Amino acid sequence: MRTGSEPATARSALRARFWLCMWGLAWAVFGTAAFAVAGRPGWAAACGVLWLVVTADLTVVLRHIRQGPHYQPGRDVPPYRPPDSGPPYPGRPYRRPPRHRHP
């Protein structure tokens, strides 16, 4: 159900991001070392920059994981306030709320 507050209540899959960062970190370190040994300084520098970006992202992910339920609530915590039960206007089928025209 869409509530209109998704940007404020969105949750990220932090554990998936953590493992993707670890995978990227391993390849960036390997690429930096391999290109440096092969005598390709440009590619080694590119992998080194990627290594820094992945490390920064990993730092942010770990910080959010450590902050606890505020950023990564469990499955029992809803991402938004549940809607009230029943139709919004008792006795009538659901319709859009009336629009008030302002002069």
PDB file of N, CA and C in Angstrom:
ATOM      1  N   MET A   1       0.839  -1.169   0.000  1.00  0.00           N
ATOM      2  CA  MET A   1       0.000   0.000   0.000  1.00  0.00           C
ATOM      3  C   MET A   1       0.891   1.241   0.000  1.00  0.00           C
ATOM      4  N   ARG A   2       0.578   2.147  -0.849  1.00  0.00           N
ATOM      5  CA  ARG A   2       1.342   3.389  -0.913  1.00  0.00           C
ATOM      6  C   ARG A   2       0.711   4.407   0.019  1.00  0.00           C
ATOM      7  N   THR A   3       1.542   5.081   0.785  1.00  0.00           N
ATOM      8  CA  THR A   3       1.045   6.078   1.726  1.00  0.00           C
ATOM      9  C   THR A   3       1.427   7.491   1.327  1.00  0.00           C
ATOM     10  N   GLY A   4       2.348   7.628   0.396  1.00  0.00           N
ATOM     11  CA  GLY A   4       2.814   8.952   0.006  1.00  0.00           C
ATOM     12  C   GLY A   4       4.027   9.410   0.790  1.00  0.00           C
ATOM     13  N   SER A   5       4.426   8.644   1.807  1.00  0.00           N
ATOM     14  CA  SER A   5       5.580   9.039   2.616  1.00  0.00           C
ATOM     15  C   SER A   5       6.766   8.101   2.398  1.00  0.00           C
ATOM     16  N   GLU A   6       6.800   7.425   1.264  1.00  0.00           N
ATOM     17  CA  GLU A   6       7.844   6.433   1.023  1.00  0.00           C
ATOM     18  C   GLU A   6       9.263   7.001   1.100  1.00  0.00           C
ATOM     19  N   PRO A   7       9.540   8.193   0.583  1.00  0.00           N
ATOM     20  CA  PRO A   7      10.926   8.671   0.718  1.00  0.00           C
ATOM     21  C   PRO A   7      11.359   8.843   2.168  1.00  0.00           C
ATOM     22  N   ALA A   8      10.434   9.169   3.051  1.00  0.00           N
ATOM     23  CA  ALA A   8      10.789   9.374   4.452  1.00  0.00           C
ATOM     24  C   ALA A   8      10.842   8.072   5.228  1.00  0.00           C
ATOM     25  N   THR A   9      10.115   7.051   4.783  1.00  0.00           N
ATOM     26  CA  THR A   9      10.033   5.808   5.547  1.00  0.00           C
ATOM     27  C   THR A   9      10.692   4.636   4.833  1.00  0.00           C
ATOM     28  N   ALA A  10      11.392   4.890   3.740  1.00  0.00           N
ATOM     29  CA  ALA A  10      12.012   3.803   2.983  1.00  0.00           C
ATOM     30  C   ALA A  10      13.122   3.148   3.786  1.00  0.00           C
ATOM     31  N   ARG A  11      13.278   1.852   3.596  1.00  0.00           N
ATOM     32  CA  ARG A  11      14.339   1.115   4.284  1.00  0.00           C
ATOM     33  C   ARG A  11      15.214   0.445   3.238  1.00  0.00           C
ATOM     34  N   SER A  12      16.494   0.430   3.508  1.00  0.00           N
ATOM     35  CA  SER A  12      17.451  -0.167   2.599  1.00  0.00           C
ATOM     36  C   SER A  12      17.828  -1.556   3.103  1.00  0.00           C
ATOM     37  N   ALA A  13      18.130  -2.447   2.183  1.00  0.00           N
ATOM     38  CA  ALA A  13      18.604  -3.774   2.551  1.00  0.00           C
ATOM     39  C   ALA A  13      20.088  -3.656   2.895  1.00  0.00           C
ATOM     40  N   LEU A  14      20.367  -3.266   4.137  1.00  0.00           N
ATOM     41  CA  LEU A  14      21.734  -2.944   4.524  1.00  0.00           C
ATOM     42  C   LEU A  14      22.640  -4.159   4.522  1.00  0.00           C
ATOM     43  N   ARG A  15      22.118  -5.315   4.895  1.00  0.00           N
ATOM     44  CA  ARG A  15      22.968  -6.508   4.894  1.00  0.00           C
ATOM     45  C   ARG A  15      23.340  -6.917   3.469  1.00  0.00           C
ATOM     46  N   ALA A  16      22.433  -6.750   2.533  1.00  0.00           N
ATOM     47  CA  ALA A  16      22.760  -7.031   1.131  1.00  0.00           C
ATOM     48  C   ALA A  16      23.802  -6.031   0.630  1.00  0.00           C
ATOM     49  N   ARG A  17      23.638  -4.751   0.992  1.00  0.00           N
ATOM     50  CA  ARG A  17      24.634  -3.755   0.605  1.00  0.00           C
ATOM     51  C   ARG A  17      25.985  -4.053   1.225  1.00  0.00           C
ATOM     52  N   PHE A  18      25.987  -4.562   2.473  1.00  0.00           N
ATOM     53  CA  PHE A  18      27.241  -4.919   3.130  1.00  0.00           C
ATOM     54  C   PHE A  18      27.975  -5.989   2.334  1.00  0.00           C
ATOM     55  N   TRP A  19      27.282  -7.063   1.956  1.00  0.00           N
ATOM     56  CA  TRP A  19      27.940  -8.147   1.226  1.00  0.00           C
ATOM     57  C   TRP A  19      28.342  -7.734  -0.183  1.00  0.00           C
ATOM     58  N   LEU A  20      27.564  -6.867  -0.817  1.00  0.00           N
ATOM     59  CA  LEU A  20      27.979  -6.355  -2.128  1.00  0.00           C
ATOM     60  C   LEU A  20      29.221  -5.472  -1.993  1.00  0.00           C
ATOM     61  N   CYS A  21      29.303  -4.701  -0.909  1.00  0.00           N
ATOM     62  CA  CYS A  21      30.507  -3.893  -0.660  1.00  0.00           C
ATOM     63  C   CYS A  21      31.717  -4.789  -0.436  1.00  0.00           C
ATOM     64  N   MET A  22      31.531  -5.872   0.305  1.00  0.00           N
ATOM     65  CA  MET A  22      32.646  -6.786   0.547  1.00  0.00           C
ATOM     66  C   MET A  22      33.132  -7.400  -0.764  1.00  0.00           C
ATOM     67  N   TRP A  23      32.191  -7.788  -1.628  1.00  0.00           N
ATOM     68  CA  TRP A  23      32.534  -8.350  -2.935  1.00  0.00           C
ATOM     69  C   TRP A  23      33.286  -7.313  -3.779  1.00  0.00           C
ATOM     70  N   GLY A  24      32.775  -6.095  -3.811  1.00  0.00           N
ATOM     71  CA  GLY A  24      33.441  -5.027  -4.564  1.00  0.00           C
ATOM     72  C   GLY A  24      34.798  -4.665  -3.984  1.00  0.00           C
ATOM     73  N   LEU A  25      34.906  -4.704  -2.661  1.00  0.00           N
ATOM     74  CA  LEU A  25      36.181  -4.408  -2.014  1.00  0.00           C
ATOM     75  C   LEU A  25      37.236  -5.441  -2.396  1.00  0.00           C
ATOM     76  N   ALA A  26      36.844  -6.708  -2.388  1.00  0.00           N
ATOM     77  CA  ALA A  26      37.787  -7.772  -2.753  1.00  0.00           C
ATOM     78  C   ALA A  26      38.273  -7.589  -4.197  1.00  0.00           C
ATOM     79  N   TRP A  27      37.355  -7.294  -5.112  1.00  0.00           N
ATOM     80  CA  TRP A  27      37.752  -7.118  -6.511  1.00  0.00           C
ATOM     81  C   TRP A  27      38.565  -5.842  -6.721  1.00  0.00           C
ATOM     82  N   ALA A  28      38.242  -4.775  -5.986  1.00  0.00           N
ATOM     83  CA  ALA A  28      39.008  -3.533  -6.142  1.00  0.00           C
ATOM     84  C   ALA A  28      40.439  -3.715  -5.642  1.00  0.00           C
ATOM     85  N   VAL A  29      40.604  -4.405  -4.516  1.00  0.00           N
ATOM     86  CA  VAL A  29      41.954  -4.662  -3.991  1.00  0.00           C
ATOM     87  C   VAL A  29      42.725  -5.552  -4.965  1.00  0.00           C
ATOM     88  N   PHE A  30      42.066  -6.613  -5.437  1.00  0.00           N
ATOM     89  CA  PHE A  30      42.716  -7.516  -6.396  1.00  0.00           C
ATOM     90  C   PHE A  30      43.092  -6.768  -7.674  1.00  0.00           C
ATOM     91  N   GLY A  31      42.177  -5.943  -8.190  1.00  0.00           N
ATOM     92  CA  GLY A  31      42.446  -5.197  -9.420  1.00  0.00           C
ATOM     93  C   GLY A  31      43.585  -4.211  -9.258  1.00  0.00           C
ATOM     94  N   THR A  32      43.623  -3.523  -8.117  1.00  0.00           N
ATOM     95  CA  THR A  32      44.700  -2.567  -7.866  1.00  0.00           C
ATOM     96  C   THR A  32      46.050  -3.275  -7.841  1.00  0.00           C
ATOM     97  N   ALA A  33      46.105  -4.379  -7.122  1.00  0.00           N
ATOM     98  CA  ALA A  33      47.372  -5.119  -7.030  1.00  0.00           C
ATOM     99  C   ALA A  33      47.766  -5.723  -8.380  1.00  0.00           C
ATOM    100  N   ALA A  34      46.809  -6.319  -9.074  1.00  0.00           N
ATOM    101  CA  ALA A  34      47.118  -6.981 -10.340  1.00  0.00           C
ATOM    102  C   ALA A  34      47.587  -5.982 -11.393  1.00  0.00           C
ATOM    103  N   PHE A  35      46.903  -4.839 -11.503  1.00  0.00           N
ATOM    104  CA  PHE A  35      47.306  -3.851 -12.505  1.00  0.00           C
ATOM    105  C   PHE A  35      48.626  -3.170 -12.129  1.00  0.00           C
ATOM    106  N   ALA A  36      48.884  -3.021 -10.837  1.00  0.00           N
ATOM    107  CA  ALA A  36      50.162  -2.439 -10.420  1.00  0.00           C
ATOM    108  C   ALA A  36      51.311  -3.376 -10.776  1.00  0.00           C
ATOM    109  N   VAL A  37      51.119  -4.677 -10.563  1.00  0.00           N
ATOM    110  CA  VAL A  37      52.155  -5.657 -10.895  1.00  0.00           C
ATOM    111  C   VAL A  37      52.331  -5.763 -12.410  1.00  0.00           C
ATOM    112  N   ALA A  38      51.238  -5.639 -13.157  1.00  0.00           N
ATOM    113  CA  ALA A  38      51.293  -5.754 -14.618  1.00  0.00           C
ATOM    114  C   ALA A  38      51.854  -4.498 -15.286  1.00  0.00           C
ATOM    115  N   GLY A  39      52.080  -3.439 -14.518  1.00  0.00           N
ATOM    116  CA  GLY A  39      52.657  -2.225 -15.100  1.00  0.00           C
ATOM    117  C   GLY A  39      51.628  -1.344 -15.774  1.00  0.00           C
ATOM    118  N   ARG A  40      50.393  -1.369 -15.331  1.00  0.00           N
ATOM    119  CA  ARG A  40      49.323  -0.521 -15.868  1.00  0.00           C
ATOM    120  C   ARG A  40      48.900   0.485 -14.796  1.00  0.00           C
ATOM    121  N   PRO A  41      49.624   1.599 -14.671  1.00  0.00           N
ATOM    122  CA  PRO A  41      49.345   2.535 -13.577  1.00  0.00           C
ATOM    123  C   PRO A  41      47.984   3.219 -13.688  1.00  0.00           C
ATOM    124  N   GLY A  42      47.510   3.444 -14.895  1.00  0.00           N
ATOM    125  CA  GLY A  42      46.196   4.090 -15.065  1.00  0.00           C
ATOM    126  C   GLY A  42      45.072   3.215 -14.533  1.00  0.00           C
ATOM    127  N   TRP A  43      45.103   1.935 -14.915  1.00  0.00           N
ATOM    128  CA  TRP A  43      44.086   1.005 -14.439  1.00  0.00           C
ATOM    129  C   TRP A  43      44.228   0.750 -12.940  1.00  0.00           C
ATOM    130  N   ALA A  44      45.450   0.723 -12.448  1.00  0.00           N
ATOM    131  CA  ALA A  44      45.666   0.546 -11.011  1.00  0.00           C
ATOM    132  C   ALA A  44      45.096   1.740 -10.240  1.00  0.00           C
ATOM    133  N   ALA A  45      45.268   2.944 -10.773  1.00  0.00           N
ATOM    134  CA  ALA A  45      44.719   4.137 -10.125  1.00  0.00           C
ATOM    135  C   ALA A  45      43.187   4.112 -10.147  1.00  0.00           C
ATOM    136  N   ALA A  46      42.612   3.666 -11.273  1.00  0.00           N
ATOM    137  CA  ALA A  46      41.146   3.574 -11.360  1.00  0.00           C
ATOM    138  C   ALA A  46      40.605   2.585 -10.333  1.00  0.00           C
ATOM    139  N   CYS A  47      41.254   1.449 -10.195  1.00  0.00           N
ATOM    140  CA  CYS A  47      40.836   0.467  -9.188  1.00  0.00           C
ATOM    141  C   CYS A  47      41.060   1.006  -7.783  1.00  0.00           C
ATOM    142  N   GLY A  48      42.107   1.789  -7.590  1.00  0.00           N
ATOM    143  CA  GLY A  48      42.352   2.403  -6.289  1.00  0.00           C
ATOM    144  C   GLY A  48      41.261   3.397  -5.910  1.00  0.00           C
ATOM    145  N   VAL A  49      40.796   4.185  -6.882  1.00  0.00           N
ATOM    146  CA  VAL A  49      39.694   5.124  -6.629  1.00  0.00           C
ATOM    147  C   VAL A  49      38.423   4.348  -6.300  1.00  0.00           C
ATOM    148  N   LEU A  50      38.168   3.271  -7.049  1.00  0.00           N
ATOM    149  CA  LEU A  50      37.013   2.422  -6.765  1.00  0.00           C
ATOM    150  C   LEU A  50      37.124   1.824  -5.362  1.00  0.00           C
ATOM    151  N   TRP A  51      38.320   1.461  -4.959  1.00  0.00           N
ATOM    152  CA  TRP A  51      38.565   0.925  -3.623  1.00  0.00           C
ATOM    153  C   TRP A  51      38.154   1.956  -2.570  1.00  0.00           C
ATOM    154  N   LEU A  52      38.513   3.223  -2.781  1.00  0.00           N
ATOM    155  CA  LEU A  52      38.138   4.277  -1.834  1.00  0.00           C
ATOM    156  C   LEU A  52      36.623   4.484  -1.777  1.00  0.00           C
ATOM    157  N   VAL A  53      35.968   4.453  -2.919  1.00  0.00           N
ATOM    158  CA  VAL A  53      34.510   4.633  -2.957  1.00  0.00           C
ATOM    159  C   VAL A  53      33.805   3.486  -2.226  1.00  0.00           C
ATOM    160  N   VAL A  54      34.253   2.266  -2.477  1.00  0.00           N
ATOM    161  CA  VAL A  54      33.648   1.108  -1.827  1.00  0.00           C
ATOM    162  C   VAL A  54      33.886   1.165  -0.319  1.00  0.00           C
ATOM    163  N   THR A  55      35.065   1.582   0.105  1.00  0.00           N
ATOM    164  CA  THR A  55      35.354   1.688   1.534  1.00  0.00           C
ATOM    165  C   THR A  55      34.472   2.742   2.191  1.00  0.00           C
ATOM    166  N   ALA A  56      34.242   3.869   1.518  1.00  0.00           N
ATOM    167  CA  ALA A  56      33.363   4.903   2.070  1.00  0.00           C
ATOM    168  C   ALA A  56      31.926   4.384   2.185  1.00  0.00           C
ATOM    169  N   ASP A  57      31.451   3.681   1.162  1.00  0.00           N
ATOM    170  CA  ASP A  57      30.103   3.126   1.211  1.00  0.00           C
ATOM    171  C   ASP A  57      29.992   2.076   2.312  1.00  0.00           C
ATOM    172  N   LEU A  58      31.011   1.260   2.468  1.00  0.00           N
ATOM    173  CA  LEU A  58      31.016   0.245   3.513  1.00  0.00           C
ATOM    174  C   LEU A  58      30.972   0.897   4.898  1.00  0.00           C
ATOM    175  N   THR A  59      31.662   2.011   5.065  1.00  0.00           N
ATOM    176  CA  THR A  59      31.641   2.733   6.334  1.00  0.00           C
ATOM    177  C   THR A  59      30.242   3.242   6.647  1.00  0.00           C
ATOM    178  N   VAL A  60      29.562   3.795   5.658  1.00  0.00           N
ATOM    179  CA  VAL A  60      28.195   4.290   5.854  1.00  0.00           C
ATOM    180  C   VAL A  60      27.248   3.145   6.187  1.00  0.00           C
ATOM    181  N   VAL A  61      27.369   2.039   5.467  1.00  0.00           N
ATOM    182  CA  VAL A  61      26.503   0.886   5.708  1.00  0.00           C
ATOM    183  C   VAL A  61      26.705   0.350   7.121  1.00  0.00           C
ATOM    184  N   LEU A  62      27.950   0.187   7.542  1.00  0.00           N
ATOM    185  CA  LEU A  62      28.217  -0.315   8.894  1.00  0.00           C
ATOM    186  C   LEU A  62      27.716   0.652   9.957  1.00  0.00           C
ATOM    187  N   ARG A  63      27.839   1.931   9.706  1.00  0.00           N
ATOM    188  CA  ARG A  63      27.330   2.921  10.661  1.00  0.00           C
ATOM    189  C   ARG A  63      25.819   2.806  10.809  1.00  0.00           C
ATOM    190  N   HIS A  64      25.115   2.654   9.700  1.00  0.00           N
ATOM    191  CA  HIS A  64      23.654   2.522   9.755  1.00  0.00           C
ATOM    192  C   HIS A  64      23.230   1.209  10.404  1.00  0.00           C
ATOM    193  N   ILE A  65      23.961   0.145  10.164  1.00  0.00           N
ATOM    194  CA  ILE A  65      23.633  -1.129  10.811  1.00  0.00           C
ATOM    195  C   ILE A  65      23.824  -1.009  12.318  1.00  0.00           C
ATOM    196  N   ARG A  66      24.896  -0.372  12.743  1.00  0.00           N
ATOM    197  CA  ARG A  66      25.175  -0.234  14.174  1.00  0.00           C
ATOM    198  C   ARG A  66      24.217   0.705  14.873  1.00  0.00           C
ATOM    199  N   GLN A  67      23.576   1.614  14.150  1.00  0.00           N
ATOM    200  CA  GLN A  67      22.628   2.529  14.783  1.00  0.00           C
ATOM    201  C   GLN A  67      21.340   1.827  15.184  1.00  0.00           C
ATOM    202  N   GLY A  68      21.137   0.628  14.705  1.00  0.00           N
ATOM    203  CA  GLY A  68      20.030  -0.176  15.184  1.00  0.00           C
ATOM    204  C   GLY A  68      18.708   0.072  14.486  1.00  0.00           C
ATOM    205  N   PRO A  69      17.607  -0.167  15.208  1.00  0.00           N
ATOM    206  CA  PRO A  69      16.285  -0.167  14.610  1.00  0.00           C
ATOM    207  C   PRO A  69      15.859   1.155  13.985  1.00  0.00           C
ATOM    208  N   HIS A  70      16.497   2.250  14.357  1.00  0.00           N
ATOM    209  CA  HIS A  70      16.104   3.519  13.739  1.00  0.00           C
ATOM    210  C   HIS A  70      16.319   3.471  12.232  1.00  0.00           C
ATOM    211  N   TYR A  71      17.402   2.858  11.787  1.00  0.00           N
ATOM    212  CA  TYR A  71      17.672   2.772  10.359  1.00  0.00           C
ATOM    213  C   TYR A  71      17.368   1.403   9.778  1.00  0.00           C
ATOM    214  N   GLN A  72      17.334   0.367  10.603  1.00  0.00           N
ATOM    215  CA  GLN A  72      17.093  -0.975  10.092  1.00  0.00           C
ATOM    216  C   GLN A  72      16.149  -1.701  11.048  1.00  0.00           C
ATOM    217  N   PRO A  73      14.863  -1.344  11.023  1.00  0.00           N
ATOM    218  CA  PRO A  73      13.940  -2.014  11.934  1.00  0.00           C
ATOM    219  C   PRO A  73      13.726  -3.469  11.535  1.00  0.00           C
ATOM    220  N   GLY A  74      13.284  -4.247  12.490  1.00  0.00           N
ATOM    221  CA  GLY A  74      13.019  -5.659  12.231  1.00  0.00           C
ATOM    222  C   GLY A  74      11.767  -5.851  11.410  1.00  0.00           C
ATOM    223  N   ARG A  75      11.441  -7.104  11.163  1.00  0.00           N
ATOM    224  CA  ARG A  75      10.279  -7.403  10.329  1.00  0.00           C
ATOM    225  C   ARG A  75       8.969  -7.064  11.026  1.00  0.00           C
ATOM    226  N   ASP A  76       8.979  -6.973  12.353  1.00  0.00           N
ATOM    227  CA  ASP A  76       7.748  -6.692  13.076  1.00  0.00           C
ATOM    228  C   ASP A  76       7.447  -5.197  13.190  1.00  0.00           C
ATOM    229  N   VAL A  77       8.350  -4.328  12.724  1.00  0.00           N
ATOM    230  CA  VAL A  77       8.141  -2.886  12.775  1.00  0.00           C
ATOM    231  C   VAL A  77       7.696  -2.413  11.391  1.00  0.00           C
ATOM    232  N   PRO A  78       6.458  -1.888  11.280  1.00  0.00           N
ATOM    233  CA  PRO A  78       6.002  -1.441   9.964  1.00  0.00           C
ATOM    234  C   PRO A  78       6.739  -0.177   9.532  1.00  0.00           C
ATOM    235  N   PRO A  79       6.932   0.023   8.233  1.00  0.00           N
ATOM    236  CA  PRO A  79       7.644   1.204   7.754  1.00  0.00           C
ATOM    237  C   PRO A  79       6.793   2.463   7.793  1.00  0.00           C
ATOM    238  N   TYR A  80       5.523   2.355   8.088  1.00  0.00           N
ATOM    239  CA  TYR A  80       4.635   3.497   8.148  1.00  0.00           C
ATOM    240  C   TYR A  80       3.524   3.187   9.140  1.00  0.00           C
ATOM    241  N   ARG A  81       2.786   4.198   9.530  1.00  0.00           N
ATOM    242  CA  ARG A  81       1.664   3.994  10.435  1.00  0.00           C
ATOM    243  C   ARG A  81       0.569   3.244   9.689  1.00  0.00           C
ATOM    244  N   PRO A  82       0.091   2.119  10.221  1.00  0.00           N
ATOM    245  CA  PRO A  82      -0.943   1.359   9.513  1.00  0.00           C
ATOM    246  C   PRO A  82      -2.200   2.201   9.316  1.00  0.00           C
ATOM    247  N   PRO A  83      -2.886   2.003   8.204  1.00  0.00           N
ATOM    248  CA  PRO A  83      -4.100   2.788   7.970  1.00  0.00           C
ATOM    249  C   PRO A  83      -5.191   2.398   8.960  1.00  0.00           C
ATOM    250  N   ASP A  84      -6.099   3.329   9.205  1.00  0.00           N
ATOM    251  CA  ASP A  84      -7.236   3.041  10.074  1.00  0.00           C
ATOM    252  C   ASP A  84      -8.103   1.982   9.416  1.00  0.00           C
ATOM    253  N   SER A  85      -8.756   1.174  10.231  1.00  0.00           N
ATOM    254  CA  SER A  85      -9.606   0.133   9.662  1.00  0.00           C
ATOM    255  C   SER A  85     -10.899   0.757   9.151  1.00  0.00           C
ATOM    256  N   GLY A  86     -11.396   0.211   8.077  1.00  0.00           N
ATOM    257  CA  GLY A  86     -12.653   0.677   7.507  1.00  0.00           C
ATOM    258  C   GLY A  86     -12.452   1.768   6.487  1.00  0.00           C
ATOM    259  N   PRO A  87     -13.537   2.116   5.802  1.00  0.00           N
ATOM    260  CA  PRO A  87     -13.440   3.178   4.790  1.00  0.00           C
ATOM    261  C   PRO A  87     -13.228   4.531   5.458  1.00  0.00           C
ATOM    262  N   PRO A  88     -12.644   5.475   4.735  1.00  0.00           N
ATOM    263  CA  PRO A  88     -12.350   6.776   5.334  1.00  0.00           C
ATOM    264  C   PRO A  88     -13.607   7.561   5.693  1.00  0.00           C
ATOM    265  N   TYR A  89     -14.722   7.327   5.007  1.00  0.00           N
ATOM    266  CA  TYR A  89     -15.971   8.008   5.296  1.00  0.00           C
ATOM    267  C   TYR A  89     -17.026   6.945   5.590  1.00  0.00           C
ATOM    268  N   PRO A  90     -17.365   6.719   6.863  1.00  0.00           N
ATOM    269  CA  PRO A  90     -18.317   5.656   7.203  1.00  0.00           C
ATOM    270  C   PRO A  90     -19.665   5.873   6.511  1.00  0.00           C
ATOM    271  N   GLY A  91     -20.245   4.779   6.073  1.00  0.00           N
ATOM    272  CA  GLY A  91     -21.555   4.841   5.437  1.00  0.00           C
ATOM    273  C   GLY A  91     -21.517   5.116   3.951  1.00  0.00           C
ATOM    274  N   ARG A  92     -20.353   5.418   3.392  1.00  0.00           N
ATOM    275  CA  ARG A  92     -20.248   5.690   1.957  1.00  0.00           C
ATOM    276  C   ARG A  92     -19.147   4.820   1.388  1.00  0.00           C
ATOM    277  N   PRO A  93     -19.276   4.410   0.156  1.00  0.00           N
ATOM    278  CA  PRO A  93     -18.145   3.705  -0.470  1.00  0.00           C
ATOM    279  C   PRO A  93     -16.982   4.675  -0.627  1.00  0.00           C
ATOM    280  N   TYR A  94     -15.805   4.125  -0.803  1.00  0.00           N
ATOM    281  CA  TYR A  94     -14.621   4.979  -0.886  1.00  0.00           C
ATOM    282  C   TYR A  94     -14.693   5.866  -2.108  1.00  0.00           C
ATOM    283  N   ARG A  95     -14.520   7.141  -1.870  1.00  0.00           N
ATOM    284  CA  ARG A  95     -14.385   8.143  -2.931  1.00  0.00           C
ATOM    285  C   ARG A  95     -13.305   9.112  -2.492  1.00  0.00           C
ATOM    286  N   ARG A  96     -12.857   9.884  -3.420  1.00  0.00           N
ATOM    287  CA  ARG A  96     -11.898  10.914  -3.067  1.00  0.00           C
ATOM    288  C   ARG A  96     -12.544  11.909  -2.115  1.00  0.00           C
ATOM    289  N   PRO A  97     -11.757  12.487  -1.221  1.00  0.00           N
ATOM    290  CA  PRO A  97     -12.334  13.516  -0.345  1.00  0.00           C
ATOM    291  C   PRO A  97     -12.773  14.714  -1.170  1.00  0.00           C
ATOM    292  N   PRO A  98     -13.802  15.409  -0.722  1.00  0.00           N
ATOM    293  CA  PRO A  98     -14.277  16.551  -1.512  1.00  0.00           C
ATOM    294  C   PRO A  98     -13.207  17.654  -1.573  1.00  0.00           C
ATOM    295  N   ARG A  99     -13.132  18.277  -2.732  1.00  0.00           N
ATOM    296  CA  ARG A  99     -12.179  19.362  -2.907  1.00  0.00           C
ATOM    297  C   ARG A  99     -12.867  20.676  -2.531  1.00  0.00           C
ATOM    298  N   HIS A 100     -12.158  21.449  -1.770  1.00  0.00           N
ATOM    299  CA  HIS A 100     -12.682  22.759  -1.387  1.00  0.00           C
ATOM    300  C   HIS A 100     -12.032  23.789  -2.285  1.00  0.00           C
ATOM    301  N   ARG A 101     -12.841  24.599  -2.860  1.00  0.00           N
ATOM    302  CA  ARG A 101     -12.308  25.643  -3.739  1.00  0.00           C
ATOM    303  C   ARG A 101     -12.108  26.915  -2.934  1.00  0.00           C
ATOM    304  N   HIS A 102     -10.945  27.444  -3.044  1.00  0.00           N
ATOM    305  CA  HIS A 102     -10.645  28.671  -2.337  1.00  0.00           C
ATOM    306  C   HIS A 102     -10.732  29.837  -3.307  1.00  0.00           C
ATOM    307  N   PRO A 103     -11.328  30.923  -2.872  1.00  0.00           N
ATOM    308  CA  PRO A 103     -11.455  32.077  -3.804  1.00  0.00           C
ATOM    309  C   PRO A 103     -10.145  32.724  -4.118  1.00  0.00           C
TER     310      PRO A 103
END
